[in-house]
Amino acid sequence: MNAFADLLGRVAGLVLRLALGLAAAVFLVSLLLASVLAVAGMSLWALITGRRPAPLVVFGRLRERSRQYSQGVWRGGPASPQGPAARGEVVDVEAREVDEPRRPQG
């Protein structure tokens, strides 16, 4: 009777593993299908309205800003003549007093 119980346990474990694997496969396929439908819907909406999809706009802006801020840092090139002073360079200015503008009394 002990061998029969072991056989039933192994068969039940195999059936349970197969059922969980099948459930995981169904979940992944449905997630993939939902993603494809969402991308297709967003692309169709973008074609109808004539606008770029919002995620593309956001990532484009992030890419622009990252290029703007890392322009001289990664390439190691010299600072541009119109740009700020190079790192480590101190720019000294003379301070002067600024009078407050007079307001008309009335």
PDB file of N, CA and C in Angstrom:
ATOM      1  N   MET A   1       0.824  -1.187   0.000  1.00  0.00           N
ATOM      2  CA  MET A   1       0.000   0.000   0.000  1.00  0.00           C
ATOM      3  C   MET A   1       0.872   1.256   0.000  1.00  0.00           C
ATOM      4  N   ASN A   2       2.072   1.160   0.505  1.00  0.00           N
ATOM      5  CA  ASN A   2       2.974   2.279   0.573  1.00  0.00           C
ATOM      6  C   ASN A   2       3.454   2.680  -0.826  1.00  0.00           C
ATOM      7  N   ALA A   3       3.728   1.736  -1.671  1.00  0.00           N
ATOM      8  CA  ALA A   3       4.184   2.007  -3.032  1.00  0.00           C
ATOM      9  C   ALA A   3       3.059   2.661  -3.840  1.00  0.00           C
ATOM     10  N   PHE A   4       1.849   2.203  -3.603  1.00  0.00           N
ATOM     11  CA  PHE A   4       0.698   2.786  -4.300  1.00  0.00           C
ATOM     12  C   PHE A   4       0.486   4.242  -3.892  1.00  0.00           C
ATOM     13  N   ALA A   5       0.656   4.572  -2.628  1.00  0.00           N
ATOM     14  CA  ALA A   5       0.519   5.945  -2.135  1.00  0.00           C
ATOM     15  C   ALA A   5       1.617   6.830  -2.730  1.00  0.00           C
ATOM     16  N   ASP A   6       2.844   6.295  -2.842  1.00  0.00           N
ATOM     17  CA  ASP A   6       3.936   7.060  -3.464  1.00  0.00           C
ATOM     18  C   ASP A   6       3.639   7.346  -4.936  1.00  0.00           C
ATOM     19  N   LEU A   7       3.104   6.350  -5.632  1.00  0.00           N
ATOM     20  CA  LEU A   7       2.756   6.540  -7.029  1.00  0.00           C
ATOM     21  C   LEU A   7       1.675   7.601  -7.185  1.00  0.00           C
ATOM     22  N   LEU A   8       0.646   7.551  -6.335  1.00  0.00           N
ATOM     23  CA  LEU A   8      -0.416   8.559  -6.381  1.00  0.00           C
ATOM     24  C   LEU A   8       0.131   9.947  -6.058  1.00  0.00           C
ATOM     25  N   GLY A   9       1.050  10.056  -5.112  1.00  0.00           N
ATOM     26  CA  GLY A   9       1.667  11.333  -4.759  1.00  0.00           C
ATOM     27  C   GLY A   9       2.469  11.911  -5.915  1.00  0.00           C
ATOM     28  N   ARG A  10       3.220  11.034  -6.599  1.00  0.00           N
ATOM     29  CA  ARG A  10       4.014  11.493  -7.739  1.00  0.00           C
ATOM     30  C   ARG A  10       3.113  11.943  -8.883  1.00  0.00           C
ATOM     31  N   VAL A  11       2.052  11.190  -9.146  1.00  0.00           N
ATOM     32  CA  VAL A  11       1.128  11.553 -10.217  1.00  0.00           C
ATOM     33  C   VAL A  11       0.421  12.863  -9.882  1.00  0.00           C
ATOM     34  N   ALA A  12       0.007  13.028  -8.631  1.00  0.00           N
ATOM     35  CA  ALA A  12      -0.663  14.266  -8.214  1.00  0.00           C
ATOM     36  C   ALA A  12       0.293  15.461  -8.322  1.00  0.00           C
ATOM     37  N   GLY A  13       1.549  15.283  -7.944  1.00  0.00           N
ATOM     38  CA  GLY A  13       2.542  16.351  -8.064  1.00  0.00           C
ATOM     39  C   GLY A  13       2.787  16.735  -9.511  1.00  0.00           C
ATOM     40  N   LEU A  14       2.852  15.714 -10.388  1.00  0.00           N
ATOM     41  CA  LEU A  14       3.055  15.975 -11.811  1.00  0.00           C
ATOM     42  C   LEU A  14       1.863  16.725 -12.404  1.00  0.00           C
ATOM     43  N   VAL A  15       0.652  16.311 -12.026  1.00  0.00           N
ATOM     44  CA  VAL A  15      -0.553  16.983 -12.519  1.00  0.00           C
ATOM     45  C   VAL A  15      -0.603  18.424 -12.019  1.00  0.00           C
ATOM     46  N   LEU A  16      -0.239  18.632 -10.756  1.00  0.00           N
ATOM     47  CA  LEU A  16      -0.237  19.978 -10.188  1.00  0.00           C
ATOM     48  C   LEU A  16       0.789  20.865 -10.892  1.00  0.00           C
ATOM     49  N   ARG A  17       2.006  20.332 -11.156  1.00  0.00           N
ATOM     50  CA  ARG A  17       3.020  21.107 -11.865  1.00  0.00           C
ATOM     51  C   ARG A  17       2.573  21.448 -13.284  1.00  0.00           C
ATOM     52  N   LEU A  18       1.960  20.499 -13.958  1.00  0.00           N
ATOM     53  CA  LEU A  18       1.466  20.761 -15.305  1.00  0.00           C
ATOM     54  C   LEU A  18       0.361  21.811 -15.299  1.00  0.00           C
ATOM     55  N   ALA A  19      -0.525  21.750 -14.324  1.00  0.00           N
ATOM     56  CA  ALA A  19      -1.616  22.729 -14.237  1.00  0.00           C
ATOM     57  C   ALA A  19      -1.065  24.125 -13.957  1.00  0.00           C
ATOM     58  N   LEU A  20      -0.099  24.242 -13.055  1.00  0.00           N
ATOM     59  CA  LEU A  20       0.496  25.547 -12.759  1.00  0.00           C
ATOM     60  C   LEU A  20       1.299  26.073 -13.948  1.00  0.00           C
ATOM     61  N   GLY A  21       2.001  25.218 -14.631  1.00  0.00           N
ATOM     62  CA  GLY A  21       2.736  25.635 -15.825  1.00  0.00           C
ATOM     63  C   GLY A  21       1.799  26.115 -16.918  1.00  0.00           C
ATOM     64  N   LEU A  22       0.689  25.404 -17.101  1.00  0.00           N
ATOM     65  CA  LEU A  22      -0.301  25.811 -18.089  1.00  0.00           C
ATOM     66  C   LEU A  22      -0.935  27.146 -17.713  1.00  0.00           C
ATOM     67  N   ALA A  23      -1.230  27.347 -16.421  1.00  0.00           N
ATOM     68  CA  ALA A  23      -1.797  28.620 -15.966  1.00  0.00           C
ATOM     69  C   ALA A  23      -0.804  29.763 -16.199  1.00  0.00           C
ATOM     70  N   ALA A  24       0.474  29.520 -15.936  1.00  0.00           N
ATOM     71  CA  ALA A  24       1.491  30.550 -16.165  1.00  0.00           C
ATOM     72  C   ALA A  24       1.611  30.865 -17.654  1.00  0.00           C
ATOM     73  N   ALA A  25       1.553  29.844 -18.500  1.00  0.00           N
ATOM     74  CA  ALA A  25       1.639  30.068 -19.940  1.00  0.00           C
ATOM     75  C   ALA A  25       0.442  30.865 -20.443  1.00  0.00           C
ATOM     76  N   VAL A  26      -0.754  30.549 -19.949  1.00  0.00           N
ATOM     77  CA  VAL A  26      -1.953  31.293 -20.342  1.00  0.00           C
ATOM     78  C   VAL A  26      -1.844  32.743 -19.892  1.00  0.00           C
ATOM     79  N   PHE A  27      -1.331  32.978 -18.688  1.00  0.00           N
ATOM     80  CA  PHE A  27      -1.163  34.338 -18.185  1.00  0.00           C
ATOM     81  C   PHE A  27      -0.183  35.120 -19.047  1.00  0.00           C
ATOM     82  N   LEU A  28       0.952  34.515 -19.380  1.00  0.00           N
ATOM     83  CA  LEU A  28       1.953  35.219 -20.190  1.00  0.00           C
ATOM     84  C   LEU A  28       1.442  35.518 -21.595  1.00  0.00           C
ATOM     85  N   VAL A  29       0.731  34.569 -22.191  1.00  0.00           N
ATOM     86  CA  VAL A  29       0.194  34.793 -23.534  1.00  0.00           C
ATOM     87  C   VAL A  29      -0.862  35.897 -23.505  1.00  0.00           C
ATOM     88  N   SER A  30      -1.710  35.906 -22.482  1.00  0.00           N
ATOM     89  CA  SER A  30      -2.727  36.960 -22.397  1.00  0.00           C
ATOM     90  C   SER A  30      -2.087  38.325 -22.131  1.00  0.00           C
ATOM     91  N   LEU A  31      -1.025  38.369 -21.340  1.00  0.00           N
ATOM     92  CA  LEU A  31      -0.306  39.617 -21.103  1.00  0.00           C
ATOM     93  C   LEU A  31       0.342  40.126 -22.386  1.00  0.00           C
ATOM     94  N   LEU A  32       0.921  39.224 -23.166  1.00  0.00           N
ATOM     95  CA  LEU A  32       1.515  39.592 -24.443  1.00  0.00           C
ATOM     96  C   LEU A  32       0.449  40.103 -25.415  1.00  0.00           C
ATOM     97  N   LEU A  33      -0.681  39.434 -25.463  1.00  0.00           N
ATOM     98  CA  LEU A  33      -1.765  39.849 -26.348  1.00  0.00           C
ATOM     99  C   LEU A  33      -2.305  41.223 -25.943  1.00  0.00           C
ATOM    100  N   ALA A  34      -2.458  41.457 -24.641  1.00  0.00           N
ATOM    101  CA  ALA A  34      -2.935  42.760 -24.171  1.00  0.00           C
ATOM    102  C   ALA A  34      -1.933  43.860 -24.524  1.00  0.00           C
ATOM    103  N   SER A  35      -0.641  43.575 -24.418  1.00  0.00           N
ATOM    104  CA  SER A  35       0.384  44.564 -24.769  1.00  0.00           C
ATOM    105  C   SER A  35       0.348  44.883 -26.258  1.00  0.00           C
ATOM    106  N   VAL A  36       0.210  43.864 -27.084  1.00  0.00           N
ATOM    107  CA  VAL A  36       0.156  44.082 -28.529  1.00  0.00           C
ATOM    108  C   VAL A  36      -1.082  44.893 -28.895  1.00  0.00           C
ATOM    109  N   LEU A  37      -2.212  44.584 -28.273  1.00  0.00           N
ATOM    110  CA  LEU A  37      -3.436  45.339 -28.551  1.00  0.00           C
ATOM    111  C   LEU A  37      -3.309  46.792 -28.091  1.00  0.00           C
ATOM    112  N   ALA A  38      -2.664  47.030 -26.950  1.00  0.00           N
ATOM    113  CA  ALA A  38      -2.481  48.399 -26.467  1.00  0.00           C
ATOM    114  C   ALA A  38      -1.580  49.194 -27.399  1.00  0.00           C
ATOM    115  N   VAL A  39      -0.494  48.599 -27.853  1.00  0.00           N
ATOM    116  CA  VAL A  39       0.409  49.293 -28.772  1.00  0.00           C
ATOM    117  C   VAL A  39      -0.286  49.564 -30.097  1.00  0.00           C
ATOM    118  N   ALA A  40      -1.032  48.590 -30.596  1.00  0.00           N
ATOM    119  CA  ALA A  40      -1.753  48.786 -31.855  1.00  0.00           C
ATOM    120  C   ALA A  40      -2.812  49.876 -31.709  1.00  0.00           C
ATOM    121  N   GLY A  41      -3.512  49.894 -30.581  1.00  0.00           N
ATOM    122  CA  GLY A  41      -4.524  50.927 -30.338  1.00  0.00           C
ATOM    123  C   GLY A  41      -3.909  52.309 -30.248  1.00  0.00           C
ATOM    124  N   MET A  42      -2.776  52.420 -29.532  1.00  0.00           N
ATOM    125  CA  MET A  42      -2.111  53.721 -29.417  1.00  0.00           C
ATOM    126  C   MET A  42      -1.584  54.191 -30.769  1.00  0.00           C
ATOM    127  N   SER A  43      -1.066  53.272 -31.562  1.00  0.00           N
ATOM    128  CA  SER A  43      -0.557  53.643 -32.893  1.00  0.00           C
ATOM    129  C   SER A  43      -1.698  54.082 -33.802  1.00  0.00           C
ATOM    130  N   LEU A  44      -2.809  53.379 -33.755  1.00  0.00           N
ATOM    131  CA  LEU A  44      -3.962  53.752 -34.566  1.00  0.00           C
ATOM    132  C   LEU A  44      -4.503  55.111 -34.144  1.00  0.00           C
ATOM    133  N   TRP A  45      -4.574  55.351 -32.843  1.00  0.00           N
ATOM    134  CA  TRP A  45      -5.048  56.644 -32.327  1.00  0.00           C
ATOM    135  C   TRP A  45      -4.095  57.768 -32.748  1.00  0.00           C
ATOM    136  N   ALA A  46      -2.804  57.492 -32.724  1.00  0.00           N
ATOM    137  CA  ALA A  46      -1.820  58.490 -33.140  1.00  0.00           C
ATOM    138  C   ALA A  46      -1.971  58.797 -34.634  1.00  0.00           C
ATOM    139  N   LEU A  47      -2.255  57.785 -35.440  1.00  0.00           N
ATOM    140  CA  LEU A  47      -2.463  58.020 -36.862  1.00  0.00           C
ATOM    141  C   LEU A  47      -3.728  58.828 -37.119  1.00  0.00           C
ATOM    142  N   ILE A  48      -4.774  58.562 -36.352  1.00  0.00           N
ATOM    143  CA  ILE A  48      -6.046  59.271 -36.542  1.00  0.00           C
ATOM    144  C   ILE A  48      -5.919  60.729 -36.121  1.00  0.00           C
ATOM    145  N   THR A  49      -5.309  60.983 -34.961  1.00  0.00           N
ATOM    146  CA  THR A  49      -5.218  62.354 -34.443  1.00  0.00           C
ATOM    147  C   THR A  49      -4.047  63.130 -35.026  1.00  0.00           C
ATOM    148  N   GLY A  50      -3.053  62.447 -35.587  1.00  0.00           N
ATOM    149  CA  GLY A  50      -1.903  63.129 -36.155  1.00  0.00           C
ATOM    150  C   GLY A  50      -0.870  63.531 -35.127  1.00  0.00           C
ATOM    151  N   ARG A  51      -0.960  63.034 -33.926  1.00  0.00           N
ATOM    152  CA  ARG A  51       0.011  63.348 -32.871  1.00  0.00           C
ATOM    153  C   ARG A  51       0.897  62.138 -32.616  1.00  0.00           C
ATOM    154  N   ARG A  52       2.061  62.421 -32.050  1.00  0.00           N
ATOM    155  CA  ARG A  52       2.922  61.318 -31.638  1.00  0.00           C
ATOM    156  C   ARG A  52       2.367  60.734 -30.349  1.00  0.00           C
ATOM    157  N   PRO A  53       2.513  59.424 -30.143  1.00  0.00           N
ATOM    158  CA  PRO A  53       2.049  58.826 -28.888  1.00  0.00           C
ATOM    159  C   PRO A  53       2.780  59.431 -27.692  1.00  0.00           C
ATOM    160  N   ALA A  54       2.076  59.571 -26.572  1.00  0.00           N
ATOM    161  CA  ALA A  54       2.625  60.228 -25.385  1.00  0.00           C
ATOM    162  C   ALA A  54       3.917  59.585 -24.872  1.00  0.00           C
ATOM    163  N   PRO A  55       4.032  58.253 -24.802  1.00  0.00           N
ATOM    164  CA  PRO A  55       5.304  57.699 -24.316  1.00  0.00           C
ATOM    165  C   PRO A  55       6.491  58.094 -25.191  1.00  0.00           C
ATOM    166  N   LEU A  56       6.291  58.182 -26.498  1.00  0.00           N
ATOM    167  CA  LEU A  56       7.393  58.591 -27.366  1.00  0.00           C
ATOM    168  C   LEU A  56       7.791  60.030 -27.109  1.00  0.00           C
ATOM    169  N   VAL A  57       6.825  60.885 -26.843  1.00  0.00           N
ATOM    170  CA  VAL A  57       7.114  62.290 -26.567  1.00  0.00           C
ATOM    171  C   VAL A  57       7.911  62.414 -25.271  1.00  0.00           C
ATOM    172  N   VAL A  58       7.498  61.677 -24.245  1.00  0.00           N
ATOM    173  CA  VAL A  58       8.186  61.747 -22.950  1.00  0.00           C
ATOM    174  C   VAL A  58       9.621  61.256 -23.079  1.00  0.00           C
ATOM    175  N   PHE A  59       9.823  60.115 -23.751  1.00  0.00           N
ATOM    176  CA  PHE A  59      11.175  59.604 -23.891  1.00  0.00           C
ATOM    177  C   PHE A  59      12.028  60.500 -24.778  1.00  0.00           C
ATOM    178  N   GLY A  60      11.423  61.151 -25.761  1.00  0.00           N
ATOM    179  CA  GLY A  60      12.163  62.102 -26.592  1.00  0.00           C
ATOM    180  C   GLY A  60      12.650  63.286 -25.783  1.00  0.00           C
ATOM    181  N   ARG A  61      11.791  63.788 -24.909  1.00  0.00           N
ATOM    182  CA  ARG A  61      12.204  64.919 -24.055  1.00  0.00           C
ATOM    183  C   ARG A  61      13.310  64.510 -23.097  1.00  0.00           C
ATOM    184  N   LEU A  62      13.192  63.311 -22.521  1.00  0.00           N
ATOM    185  CA  LEU A  62      14.244  62.845 -21.618  1.00  0.00           C
ATOM    186  C   LEU A  62      15.573  62.705 -22.354  1.00  0.00           C
ATOM    187  N   ARG A  63      15.534  62.203 -23.580  1.00  0.00           N
ATOM    188  CA  ARG A  63      16.758  62.042 -24.354  1.00  0.00           C
ATOM    189  C   ARG A  63      17.379  63.402 -24.673  1.00  0.00           C
ATOM    190  N   GLU A  64      16.537  64.403 -25.011  1.00  0.00           N
ATOM    191  CA  GLU A  64      17.040  65.752 -25.281  1.00  0.00           C
ATOM    192  C   GLU A  64      17.725  66.338 -24.062  1.00  0.00           C
ATOM    193  N   ARG A  65      17.082  66.214 -22.909  1.00  0.00           N
ATOM    194  CA  ARG A  65      17.658  66.786 -21.683  1.00  0.00           C
ATOM    195  C   ARG A  65      18.940  66.073 -21.297  1.00  0.00           C
ATOM    196  N   SER A  66      18.990  64.769 -21.472  1.00  0.00           N
ATOM    197  CA  SER A  66      20.217  64.070 -21.111  1.00  0.00           C
ATOM    198  C   SER A  66      21.355  64.488 -22.033  1.00  0.00           C
ATOM    199  N   ARG A  67      21.066  64.718 -23.319  1.00  0.00           N
ATOM    200  CA  ARG A  67      22.096  65.217 -24.228  1.00  0.00           C
ATOM    201  C   ARG A  67      22.538  66.619 -23.835  1.00  0.00           C
ATOM    202  N   GLN A  68      21.570  67.436 -23.433  1.00  0.00           N
ATOM    203  CA  GLN A  68      21.875  68.828 -23.077  1.00  0.00           C
ATOM    204  C   GLN A  68      22.793  68.887 -21.862  1.00  0.00           C
ATOM    205  N   TYR A  69      22.502  68.080 -20.840  1.00  0.00           N
ATOM    206  CA  TYR A  69      23.273  68.169 -19.603  1.00  0.00           C
ATOM    207  C   TYR A  69      24.588  67.406 -19.658  1.00  0.00           C
ATOM    208  N   SER A  70      24.697  66.420 -20.520  1.00  0.00           N
ATOM    209  CA  SER A  70      25.934  65.645 -20.564  1.00  0.00           C
ATOM    210  C   SER A  70      26.772  65.984 -21.784  1.00  0.00           C
ATOM    211  N   GLN A  71      26.519  67.094 -22.419  1.00  0.00           N
ATOM    212  CA  GLN A  71      27.191  67.428 -23.665  1.00  0.00           C
ATOM    213  C   GLN A  71      28.700  67.517 -23.497  1.00  0.00           C
ATOM    214  N   GLY A  72      29.188  68.247 -22.510  1.00  0.00           N
ATOM    215  CA  GLY A  72      30.627  68.395 -22.353  1.00  0.00           C
ATOM    216  C   GLY A  72      31.216  67.438 -21.352  1.00  0.00           C
ATOM    217  N   VAL A  73      30.385  66.780 -20.579  1.00  0.00           N
ATOM    218  CA  VAL A  73      30.895  65.949 -19.495  1.00  0.00           C
ATOM    219  C   VAL A  73      31.499  64.656 -20.019  1.00  0.00           C
ATOM    220  N   TRP A  74      30.809  63.945 -20.905  1.00  0.00           N
ATOM    221  CA  TRP A  74      31.274  62.632 -21.332  1.00  0.00           C
ATOM    222  C   TRP A  74      32.314  62.709 -22.431  1.00  0.00           C
ATOM    223  N   ARG A  75      32.224  63.700 -23.264  1.00  0.00           N
ATOM    224  CA  ARG A  75      33.153  63.774 -24.387  1.00  0.00           C
ATOM    225  C   ARG A  75      34.496  64.368 -23.972  1.00  0.00           C
ATOM    226  N   GLY A  76      34.514  65.117 -22.891  1.00  0.00           N
ATOM    227  CA  GLY A  76      35.763  65.691 -22.406  1.00  0.00           C
ATOM    228  C   GLY A  76      36.269  66.841 -23.247  1.00  0.00           C
ATOM    229  N   GLY A  77      35.391  67.416 -24.065  1.00  0.00           N
ATOM    230  CA  GLY A  77      35.794  68.523 -24.920  1.00  0.00           C
ATOM    231  C   GLY A  77      35.878  69.819 -24.141  1.00  0.00           C
ATOM    232  N   PRO A  78      36.530  70.841 -24.726  1.00  0.00           N
ATOM    233  CA  PRO A  78      36.630  72.133 -24.046  1.00  0.00           C
ATOM    234  C   PRO A  78      35.282  72.836 -23.994  1.00  0.00           C
ATOM    235  N   ALA A  79      35.160  73.747 -23.051  1.00  0.00           N
ATOM    236  CA  ALA A  79      33.910  74.495 -22.925  1.00  0.00           C
ATOM    237  C   ALA A  79      33.772  75.451 -24.095  1.00  0.00           C
ATOM    238  N   SER A  80      32.534  75.698 -24.494  1.00  0.00           N
ATOM    239  CA  SER A  80      32.313  76.587 -25.637  1.00  0.00           C
ATOM    240  C   SER A  80      32.592  78.027 -25.231  1.00  0.00           C
ATOM    241  N   PRO A  81      32.942  78.896 -26.205  1.00  0.00           N
ATOM    242  CA  PRO A  81      33.254  80.290 -25.881  1.00  0.00           C
ATOM    243  C   PRO A  81      32.059  81.026 -25.283  1.00  0.00           C
ATOM    244  N   GLN A  82      30.836  80.699 -25.713  1.00  0.00           N
ATOM    245  CA  GLN A  82      29.665  81.384 -25.173  1.00  0.00           C
ATOM    246  C   GLN A  82      29.195  80.751 -23.862  1.00  0.00           C
ATOM    247  N   GLY A  83      29.607  79.545 -23.596  1.00  0.00           N
ATOM    248  CA  GLY A  83      29.122  78.808 -22.425  1.00  0.00           C
ATOM    249  C   GLY A  83      29.781  79.268 -21.146  1.00  0.00           C
ATOM    250  N   PRO A  84      29.447  78.633 -20.052  1.00  0.00           N
ATOM    251  CA  PRO A  84      30.039  78.994 -18.762  1.00  0.00           C
ATOM    252  C   PRO A  84      31.529  78.660 -18.727  1.00  0.00           C
ATOM    253  N   ALA A  85      32.208  79.195 -17.722  1.00  0.00           N
ATOM    254  CA  ALA A  85      33.642  78.969 -17.582  1.00  0.00           C
ATOM    255  C   ALA A  85      33.908  77.486 -17.343  1.00  0.00           C
ATOM    256  N   ALA A  86      35.099  77.066 -17.726  1.00  0.00           N
ATOM    257  CA  ALA A  86      35.476  75.666 -17.551  1.00  0.00           C
ATOM    258  C   ALA A  86      35.511  75.327 -16.068  1.00  0.00           C
ATOM    259  N   ARG A  87      35.405  74.056 -15.763  1.00  0.00           N
ATOM    260  CA  ARG A  87      35.434  73.619 -14.364  1.00  0.00           C
ATOM    261  C   ARG A  87      36.742  74.012 -13.708  1.00  0.00           C
ATOM    262  N   GLY A  88      36.650  74.505 -12.485  1.00  0.00           N
ATOM    263  CA  GLY A  88      37.830  74.878 -11.740  1.00  0.00           C
ATOM    264  C   GLY A  88      38.281  76.299 -11.994  1.00  0.00           C
ATOM    265  N   GLU A  89      37.700  76.969 -12.974  1.00  0.00           N
ATOM    266  CA  GLU A  89      38.072  78.343 -13.281  1.00  0.00           C
ATOM    267  C   GLU A  89      37.158  79.285 -12.498  1.00  0.00           C
ATOM    268  N   VAL A  90      37.748  80.280 -11.858  1.00  0.00           N
ATOM    269  CA  VAL A  90      36.986  81.209 -11.049  1.00  0.00           C
ATOM    270  C   VAL A  90      36.827  82.515 -11.817  1.00  0.00           C
ATOM    271  N   VAL A  91      35.612  83.017 -11.874  1.00  0.00           N
ATOM    272  CA  VAL A  91      35.343  84.278 -12.549  1.00  0.00           C
ATOM    273  C   VAL A  91      35.028  85.308 -11.477  1.00  0.00           C
ATOM    274  N   ASP A  92      35.807  86.389 -11.420  1.00  0.00           N
ATOM    275  CA  ASP A  92      35.627  87.413 -10.400  1.00  0.00           C
ATOM    276  C   ASP A  92      34.937  88.627 -11.021  1.00  0.00           C
ATOM    277  N   VAL A  93      33.977  89.187 -10.317  1.00  0.00           N
ATOM    278  CA  VAL A  93      33.265  90.363 -10.812  1.00  0.00           C
ATOM    279  C   VAL A  93      33.286  91.442  -9.740  1.00  0.00           C
ATOM    280  N   GLU A  94      33.138  92.685 -10.172  1.00  0.00           N
ATOM    281  CA  GLU A  94      33.051  93.783  -9.216  1.00  0.00           C
ATOM    282  C   GLU A  94      31.600  93.995  -8.838  1.00  0.00           C
ATOM    283  N   ALA A  95      31.348  94.141  -7.571  1.00  0.00           N
ATOM    284  CA  ALA A  95      29.986  94.379  -7.100  1.00  0.00           C
ATOM    285  C   ALA A  95      29.705  95.869  -7.118  1.00  0.00           C
ATOM    286  N   ARG A  96      28.473  96.254  -7.425  1.00  0.00           N
ATOM    287  CA  ARG A  96      28.090  97.663  -7.377  1.00  0.00           C
ATOM    288  C   ARG A  96      26.674  97.747  -6.830  1.00  0.00           C
ATOM    289  N   GLU A  97      26.371  98.877  -6.232  1.00  0.00           N
ATOM    290  CA  GLU A  97      25.056  99.086  -5.639  1.00  0.00           C
ATOM    291  C   GLU A  97      24.047  99.425  -6.718  1.00  0.00           C
ATOM    292  N   VAL A  98      22.847  98.940  -6.551  1.00  0.00           N
ATOM    293  CA  VAL A  98      21.769  99.236  -7.491  1.00  0.00           C
ATOM    294  C   VAL A  98      20.698  99.984  -6.727  1.00  0.00           C
ATOM    295  N   ASP A  99      20.373 101.184  -7.211  1.00  0.00           N
ATOM    296  CA  ASP A  99      19.334 101.979  -6.554  1.00  0.00           C
ATOM    297  C   ASP A  99      17.963 101.416  -6.886  1.00  0.00           C
ATOM    298  N   GLU A 100      17.049 101.564  -5.918  1.00  0.00           N
ATOM    299  CA  GLU A 100      15.679 101.121  -6.164  1.00  0.00           C
ATOM    300  C   GLU A 100      14.990 102.127  -7.072  1.00  0.00           C
ATOM    301  N   PRO A 101      14.165 101.671  -8.004  1.00  0.00           N
ATOM    302  CA  PRO A 101      13.487 102.616  -8.882  1.00  0.00           C
ATOM    303  C   PRO A 101      12.478 103.470  -8.090  1.00  0.00           C
ATOM    304  N   ARG A 102      12.364 104.719  -8.472  1.00  0.00           N
ATOM    305  CA  ARG A 102      11.421 105.612  -7.790  1.00  0.00           C
ATOM    306  C   ARG A 102      10.033 105.356  -8.314  1.00  0.00           C
ATOM    307  N   ARG A 103       9.087 105.315  -7.401  1.00  0.00           N
ATOM    308  CA  ARG A 103       7.688 105.106  -7.796  1.00  0.00           C
ATOM    309  C   ARG A 103       6.981 106.464  -7.836  1.00  0.00           C
ATOM    310  N   PRO A 104       6.180 106.649  -8.825  1.00  0.00           N
ATOM    311  CA  PRO A 104       5.454 107.937  -8.874  1.00  0.00           C
ATOM    312  C   PRO A 104       4.445 108.009  -7.729  1.00  0.00           C
ATOM    313  N   GLN A 105       4.398 109.162  -7.100  1.00  0.00           N
ATOM    314  CA  GLN A 105       3.443 109.344  -5.999  1.00  0.00           C
ATOM    315  C   GLN A 105       2.135 109.881  -6.582  1.00  0.00           C
ATOM    316  N   GLY A 106       1.094 109.261  -6.161  1.00  0.00           N
ATOM    317  CA  GLY A 106      -0.131 109.767  -6.752  1.00  0.00           C
ATOM    318  C   GLY A 106      -1.330 109.230  -6.188  1.00  0.00           C
TER     319      GLY A 106
END
